Structure formats: structure tokens, C-alpha cells
């Protein structure tokens, strides 16, 4: 809505509102997913820093790719944002299969996940 509806400013603002709602819900979701799949305080701390730092770097990147020269469509920036969201979806999908396979191996006793008996990844 934000990137491809040019004739209706109200629809573009509604798209911004929906996008911000999605972005704000991503932070606790990603942090809880990460905390459920990592054992050890040090690892969790480092992973938290990487996730929150990645979000901050995303803001820096966004301020540089949304150029005034591309206004009002901002097509290159919108395409970059959509592609990054697609990469995120693919990465989480890959983790679903990788964690599922590791859980099945741990259930059969082939491997020990994170050095902890009974630990299973959250899918």
C-alpha cells in the first residue's frame, strides 16, 4: 500500500500504519524465538545484541535508501525493503526445517542439542 498506491495519500498512510504495527510486533517475536532456541546466558546476550543491533542498522540503511530523488514512489527503497522481508521469511522457513530435523535426531538419540538432555528447538 505504501509503495505502490500513488494516487491516494490516505491509503499510503494506512499502509505506513500497518507496516509499523508489523515492525513493532517483530521485535518481541524475534527475541522470544531466539531465547527459546539458545541455551546459556552469554549466547543469549550476544544474540540479543545482534538482533537489536540489526534493527538499528536497518534504520540507518533506511535513512540512506529512501532518497529525496526517488520521491514520491521511492521504488528502489520499497523494492529493497520487500526483498529484505522475503529474505527474512526464507531464513525463518529454513530454520523451521533445520530445527525440525535436529529435533528428530535428538528424539532418536543420535545427537544432543546444545549439550542439554531434553532440550528441543522451538519451531
C-alpha atoms as a PDB file:
ATOM      1  CA  UNK A   1       0.000   0.000   0.000  1.00  0.00           C
ATOM      2  CA  UNK A   2       2.731   2.434   0.933  1.00  0.00           C
ATOM      3  CA  UNK A   3       4.916   1.733  -2.051  1.00  0.00           C
ATOM      4  CA  UNK A   4       2.535   1.206  -4.904  1.00  0.00           C
ATOM      5  CA  UNK A   5      -0.620   3.282  -4.336  1.00  0.00           C
ATOM      6  CA  UNK A   6       0.363   6.719  -5.555  1.00  0.00           C
ATOM      7  CA  UNK A   7      -2.988   8.375  -6.105  1.00  0.00           C
ATOM      8  CA  UNK A   8      -4.455   8.033  -2.603  1.00  0.00           C
ATOM      9  CA  UNK A   9      -2.445   9.556   0.265  1.00  0.00           C
ATOM     10  CA  UNK A  10      -4.853   8.141   2.875  1.00  0.00           C
ATOM     11  CA  UNK A  11      -4.193   4.613   1.628  1.00  0.00           C
ATOM     12  CA  UNK A  12      -0.446   5.240   1.773  1.00  0.00           C
ATOM     13  CA  UNK A  13      -0.705   6.437   5.382  1.00  0.00           C
ATOM     14  CA  UNK A  14      -2.798   3.372   6.225  1.00  0.00           C
ATOM     15  CA  UNK A  15      -0.006   1.264   4.719  1.00  0.00           C
ATOM     16  CA  UNK A  16       2.560   3.023   6.903  1.00  0.00           C
ATOM     17  CA  UNK A  17       0.383   2.371   9.969  1.00  0.00           C
ATOM     18  CA  UNK A  18       0.083  -1.350   9.133  1.00  0.00           C
ATOM     19  CA  UNK A  19       3.797  -1.591   8.402  1.00  0.00           C
ATOM     20  CA  UNK A  20       4.767  -0.017  11.716  1.00  0.00           C
ATOM     21  CA  UNK A  21       2.394  -2.386  13.552  1.00  0.00           C
ATOM     22  CA  UNK A  22       4.137  -5.320  11.894  1.00  0.00           C
ATOM     23  CA  UNK A  23       7.605  -3.969  12.649  1.00  0.00           C
ATOM     24  CA  UNK A  24       6.822  -3.343  16.296  1.00  0.00           C
ATOM     25  CA  UNK A  25       5.463  -6.866  16.749  1.00  0.00           C
ATOM     26  CA  UNK A  26       8.577  -8.371  15.133  1.00  0.00           C
ATOM     27  CA  UNK A  27      10.914  -7.331  17.959  1.00  0.00           C
ATOM     28  CA  UNK A  28       9.335  -9.324  20.833  1.00  0.00           C
ATOM     29  CA  UNK A  29       8.578 -12.216  18.481  1.00  0.00           C
ATOM     30  CA  UNK A  30      12.178 -12.483  17.279  1.00  0.00           C
ATOM     31  CA  UNK A  31      13.618 -12.071  20.760  1.00  0.00           C
ATOM     32  CA  UNK A  32      11.365 -14.763  22.264  1.00  0.00           C
ATOM     33  CA  UNK A  33      12.055 -17.140  19.341  1.00  0.00           C
ATOM     34  CA  UNK A  34      15.780 -16.590  19.837  1.00  0.00           C
ATOM     35  CA  UNK A  35      15.606 -17.046  23.629  1.00  0.00           C
ATOM     36  CA  UNK A  36      13.697 -20.325  23.230  1.00  0.00           C
ATOM     37  CA  UNK A  37      16.332 -21.762  20.898  1.00  0.00           C
ATOM     38  CA  UNK A  38      19.560 -20.784  22.660  1.00  0.00           C
ATOM     39  CA  UNK A  39      20.958 -22.216  25.875  1.00  0.00           C
ATOM     40  CA  UNK A  40      23.240 -20.111  28.081  1.00  0.00           C
ATOM     41  CA  UNK A  41      23.149 -16.515  29.210  1.00  0.00           C
ATOM     42  CA  UNK A  42      26.226 -15.437  27.261  1.00  0.00           C
ATOM     43  CA  UNK A  43      24.899 -16.789  23.981  1.00  0.00           C
ATOM     44  CA  UNK A  44      21.501 -15.219  24.606  1.00  0.00           C
ATOM     45  CA  UNK A  45      23.071 -11.869  25.431  1.00  0.00           C
ATOM     46  CA  UNK A  46      25.167 -11.840  22.272  1.00  0.00           C
ATOM     47  CA  UNK A  47      22.197 -12.930  20.151  1.00  0.00           C
ATOM     48  CA  UNK A  48      20.032 -10.183  21.698  1.00  0.00           C
ATOM     49  CA  UNK A  49      22.672  -7.588  20.860  1.00  0.00           C
ATOM     50  CA  UNK A  50      22.867  -8.854  17.275  1.00  0.00           C
ATOM     51  CA  UNK A  51      19.087  -8.749  16.808  1.00  0.00           C
ATOM     52  CA  UNK A  52      18.639  -5.294  18.334  1.00  0.00           C
ATOM     53  CA  UNK A  53      21.770  -4.008  16.588  1.00  0.00           C
ATOM     54  CA  UNK A  54      20.462  -5.377  13.299  1.00  0.00           C
ATOM     55  CA  UNK A  55      17.280  -3.384  13.779  1.00  0.00           C
ATOM     56  CA  UNK A  56      19.294  -0.242  14.448  1.00  0.00           C
ATOM     57  CA  UNK A  57      21.422  -0.828  11.368  1.00  0.00           C
ATOM     58  CA  UNK A  58      18.198  -1.310   9.399  1.00  0.00           C
ATOM     59  CA  UNK A  59      17.139   2.187  10.440  1.00  0.00           C
ATOM     60  CA  UNK A  60      20.460   3.595   9.291  1.00  0.00           C
ATOM     61  CA  UNK A  61      20.151   1.814   5.958  1.00  0.00           C
ATOM     62  CA  UNK A  62      16.564   3.008   5.533  1.00  0.00           C
ATOM     63  CA  UNK A  63      17.586   6.630   6.069  1.00  0.00           C
ATOM     64  CA  UNK A  64      20.059   6.258   3.214  1.00  0.00           C
ATOM     65  CA  UNK A  65      17.998   4.310   0.669  1.00  0.00           C
ATOM     66  CA  UNK A  66      14.831   6.435   0.890  1.00  0.00           C
ATOM     67  CA  UNK A  67      16.293   9.270  -1.179  1.00  0.00           C
ATOM     68  CA  UNK A  68      14.515  12.519  -1.986  1.00  0.00           C
ATOM     69  CA  UNK A  69      15.407  11.985  -5.643  1.00  0.00           C
ATOM     70  CA  UNK A  70      13.133   8.911  -5.710  1.00  0.00           C
ATOM     71  CA  UNK A  71      10.112  10.726  -4.206  1.00  0.00           C
ATOM     72  CA  UNK A  72       7.175  10.154  -4.151  1.00  0.00           C
ATOM     73  CA  UNK A  73       7.369   6.500  -5.239  1.00  0.00           C
ATOM     74  CA  UNK A  74      10.664   5.540  -3.580  1.00  0.00           C
ATOM     75  CA  UNK A  75      10.687   2.470  -5.830  1.00  0.00           C
ATOM     76  CA  UNK A  76      14.312   1.361  -5.197  1.00  0.00           C
ATOM     77  CA  UNK A  77      13.856   1.627  -1.423  1.00  0.00           C
ATOM     78  CA  UNK A  78      10.490  -0.162  -1.464  1.00  0.00           C
ATOM     79  CA  UNK A  79      11.945  -2.977  -3.556  1.00  0.00           C
ATOM     80  CA  UNK A  80      14.899  -3.272  -1.163  1.00  0.00           C
ATOM     81  CA  UNK A  81      12.560  -3.388   1.851  1.00  0.00           C
ATOM     82  CA  UNK A  82      10.348  -6.047   0.248  1.00  0.00           C
ATOM     83  CA  UNK A  83      13.384  -8.133  -0.705  1.00  0.00           C
ATOM     84  CA  UNK A  84      14.761  -7.974   2.838  1.00  0.00           C
ATOM     85  CA  UNK A  85      11.406  -9.128   4.216  1.00  0.00           C
ATOM     86  CA  UNK A  86      11.424 -12.005   1.721  1.00  0.00           C
ATOM     87  CA  UNK A  87      14.937 -12.976   2.863  1.00  0.00           C
ATOM     88  CA  UNK A  88      13.712 -12.957   6.480  1.00  0.00           C
ATOM     89  CA  UNK A  89      10.763 -15.211   5.620  1.00  0.00           C
ATOM     90  CA  UNK A  90      13.061 -17.622   3.759  1.00  0.00           C
ATOM     91  CA  UNK A  91      15.533 -17.675   6.657  1.00  0.00           C
ATOM     92  CA  UNK A  92      12.836 -18.462   9.232  1.00  0.00           C
ATOM     93  CA  UNK A  93      11.444 -21.144   6.906  1.00  0.00           C
ATOM     94  CA  UNK A  94      14.897 -22.697   6.610  1.00  0.00           C
ATOM     95  CA  UNK A  95      15.271 -22.682  10.406  1.00  0.00           C
ATOM     96  CA  UNK A  96      11.925 -24.473  10.696  1.00  0.00           C
ATOM     97  CA  UNK A  97      13.287 -27.399   8.666  1.00  0.00           C
ATOM     98  CA  UNK A  98      16.774 -27.351  10.211  1.00  0.00           C
ATOM     99  CA  UNK A  99      15.415 -27.266  13.774  1.00  0.00           C
ATOM    100  CA  UNK A 100      12.808 -29.899  12.971  1.00  0.00           C
ATOM    101  CA  UNK A 101      15.468 -32.267  11.615  1.00  0.00           C
ATOM    102  CA  UNK A 102      17.701 -31.641  14.644  1.00  0.00           C
ATOM    103  CA  UNK A 103      14.758 -32.303  16.996  1.00  0.00           C
ATOM    104  CA  UNK A 104      14.006 -35.608  15.256  1.00  0.00           C
ATOM    105  CA  UNK A 105      17.656 -36.663  15.540  1.00  0.00           C
ATOM    106  CA  UNK A 106      17.659 -35.733  19.220  1.00  0.00           C
ATOM    107  CA  UNK A 107      14.447 -37.719  19.748  1.00  0.00           C
ATOM    108  CA  UNK A 108      16.169 -40.795  18.282  1.00  0.00           C
ATOM    109  CA  UNK A 109      19.225 -40.207  20.485  1.00  0.00           C
ATOM    110  CA  UNK A 110      21.596 -39.509  17.589  1.00  0.00           C
ATOM    111  CA  UNK A 111      22.614 -36.044  18.792  1.00  0.00           C
ATOM    112  CA  UNK A 112      22.486 -33.978  21.973  1.00  0.00           C
ATOM    113  CA  UNK A 113      21.204 -30.462  21.321  1.00  0.00           C
ATOM    114  CA  UNK A 114      23.069 -27.573  22.959  1.00  0.00           C
ATOM    115  CA  UNK A 115      24.709 -30.028  25.369  1.00  0.00           C
ATOM    116  CA  UNK A 116      21.440 -30.365  27.316  1.00  0.00           C
ATOM    117  CA  UNK A 117      19.390 -33.528  27.769  1.00  0.00           C
ATOM    118  CA  UNK A 118      15.775 -32.958  26.848  1.00  0.00           C
ATOM    119  CA  UNK A 119      16.410 -29.652  25.037  1.00  0.00           C
ATOM    120  CA  UNK A 120      14.431 -29.230  21.824  1.00  0.00           C
ATOM    121  CA  UNK A 121      14.305 -26.289  19.477  1.00  0.00           C
ATOM    122  CA  UNK A 122      11.098 -24.290  19.254  1.00  0.00           C
ATOM    123  CA  UNK A 123       9.573 -24.457  15.791  1.00  0.00           C
END
